[in-house]
Amino acid sequence: MSKVFSFTGNDDFYHGGPIYPNPKEPCLFLSLGRQVDVYLPLQKRSRFSVPFDISGEWFEQKQKPKTSIESLPDECLFEILRRLPAGQDRSVCASVSKRWLMLLSSICKTEIHSYGSTGNENQEISDEGYLSRSLEGKKATDVRLAAIAVGTASRGGLGKLTIRGCNSDRGVTNVGLKAIAHGCPSLKVCSLWDVATVGDVGLIEIASGCHQLEKLDLCKCPNISDKTLIAVAKNCPNLAELSIESCPNIGNEGLQAIGKCPNLRSISIKNCSGVGDQGVAGLLSSASFALTKVKLESLTVSDLSLAVIGHYGVAVTDLVLSCLPNVSEKGFWVMGNGHGLQKLTSITINCCQGVTDVGLEAIGRGCPNVQNLKLRKSAFLSDKGLVSFARAAPSVESLQLQECHRITQIGLFGVFFNCGAKLKVLTLISCYGIKDLNMDLPAISPSESIWSLTIHDCPGFGNANLALLGKLCPRLQHVELSGLQGVTDAGFLPLLESSEAGLVKVNLNGCVNLSDRVVLSMVNSHGWTLEVLSLDGCKRVGDASLMAIAGSCPLLADLDVSRLCIGFRQERACLEKNGLFPCWIKYQALQRNQQPLCQQASGTSLHV
């Protein structure tokens, strides 16, 4: 090629410079015609060699990503991660990416490669389940559960997990529970509330990986069935407490399996449509010597279930029966005559139409050691049944009656006559059958044991009944009279005069007919023992009472003066009184003084 164009090599090339030594010489200008009067010297481009691949492999090499560990498949990365030492190294690797986190959370403790003893072995915290975690609403996701499983492993171990609600977009699923099962074998308490995205697969993993599980609480989990309870009964021998609410797919088969848990102490079943007499019978008959607390609420069980409880509940100490529409008087009668509830100390019966005079008397005879009795919405229970129960079970220490409208003062004082020696707490709530009538009662010795009296929203309760209770209860310390418009100074003053122990807690909310006279008498007689005083809605209580409280109640810790007829100056004087110890004073809009009372306080409370 060089021979063709008459040059021999690189010496014939002029890189960017002039061809001639002096390009301005006139001999170099040639006559190019009339239209051309400029001469441009000849320029040549430099030649250089560039490797060029026509096939396009060079472009592919430029666009190819760099080699990274992320290109490894999950199986290889799993083998790498399981060889990491436990502790901070695993937590750091879990923060690299979501993929690494999920892989680490899927590694069981048995799959972690062991390198033998190390020098830092003594510094590691043993996995004893000291930590607790709670996820609610949008925070409840599988990613957070995976992070908990990896992060708590070397910090004491997860012992309690609570999940309430669920993220609608990325809620907790079986994947998250599987991570907990693999990474938290020390889990002892698991509580799932309103988690519809979790099924049997996740809880079966929990049962298989967390053999130390002691308490399981399931509420509004529609996708959980008997398979979960069967797995828990098989793999968790330490299970002591089980609570099931609104789980329609849990039925008799699961309860029968749970009954085989040797350490089961407490069972609570509420609003489970699949549970019937067969499940309750299988549960009670299998766990008869260990079960101490039983709660059945809103179930379709019949008299048969109560008969089984009365026969097999030999270890039951606390029994709650609520909203059992298919249980009749016969069921309570059979339960009481089963003579298996000899250790029963507390019984609560709520909204059961089968509670009649005959049924309650049978319970009293079959449960002679009952100390706490709570009855609510017992429409067919009268004074006769209450007195018969008190006569058969004289060990009653606490009695609560709510919305039992056929109970009158005859039944009330009949309880005092039979249980007055041991009765300590008496509570009456919305019992409209109690009237303020003057009646001749047999001689009843005062009860030295009663220290708490609570009467709420009983419109017929008045001065006569209150004065009589004051004579029968000279050792009262807690008095709560709420919403009793029929009580005046004439009824409350005898109670104050009869009290010998010194009142500690007094609640007079809504007693609109009590005046300063009552408060002044109470402060003078019991000011040195009074710690809690609530006068919400006592419209006739005014400035004099507040000033007396400030000067005579050094132990007062809680004072409620909402909706009183007091002024701002008196209230401020009360706060600044030297004799008043720091207390929590709560007040709302005062009737006499409606201007803003506290510019320095926030809300409706002031802490002094």
Foldseek 3Di string as FASTA:
>chain_A
DCVVVVHDDDVVADAPDAPDPDCPDPVNDDPPDDVDDDDDGDHDDDDDDDDDDPVCVVVVVVPDDDDDPVPDDLVVVLVVLLADDADPVLLVQLPPDVSSLLSSLLAAPVSRDDPPDDPCPVVFADQQAPDEDEAEEDRAALSVLSSCLRVCLRVRAHAYYYYAHAYPPGTDELSSLLSCLRRGLNHAYYAYEQRQRYALNSLLSNLQRNQNHAEYHYYNHQRYALSNLLSNLVRHLNHAYYAYYNHQRYAQNSLLSNLQNAQHAEYAYEDHARYEQNNLLSNLQSNLPHYAYYHDEDYAYELSSLLSCLQRNQRHAEYEYYHHARYALVSLLNSLVNLRQQNHAEYEYYDYQRDALNSLLSNLQSHQNHAYYHYYPHAHYALNSLLSSCQSRLNHAEYEYYQHQRYEVSSVVSNCQRNLARHAEYEYYQHQNYAQDDDDDPDGAARARHAYYYYEDHARDAQNVLLVNLQNYQAYAAYAYEQHCRYAPNRQVSSLVSHDNAHAEYHYHNNQRYALVNLLSNLVRRQARYAYYEHHNNARYELVSLLSSLARRQNHAEYEPEAYQYDLVSNVCSVPRPSHDWHKYFYDQYPNDRDDNDPPDDDGIDTD
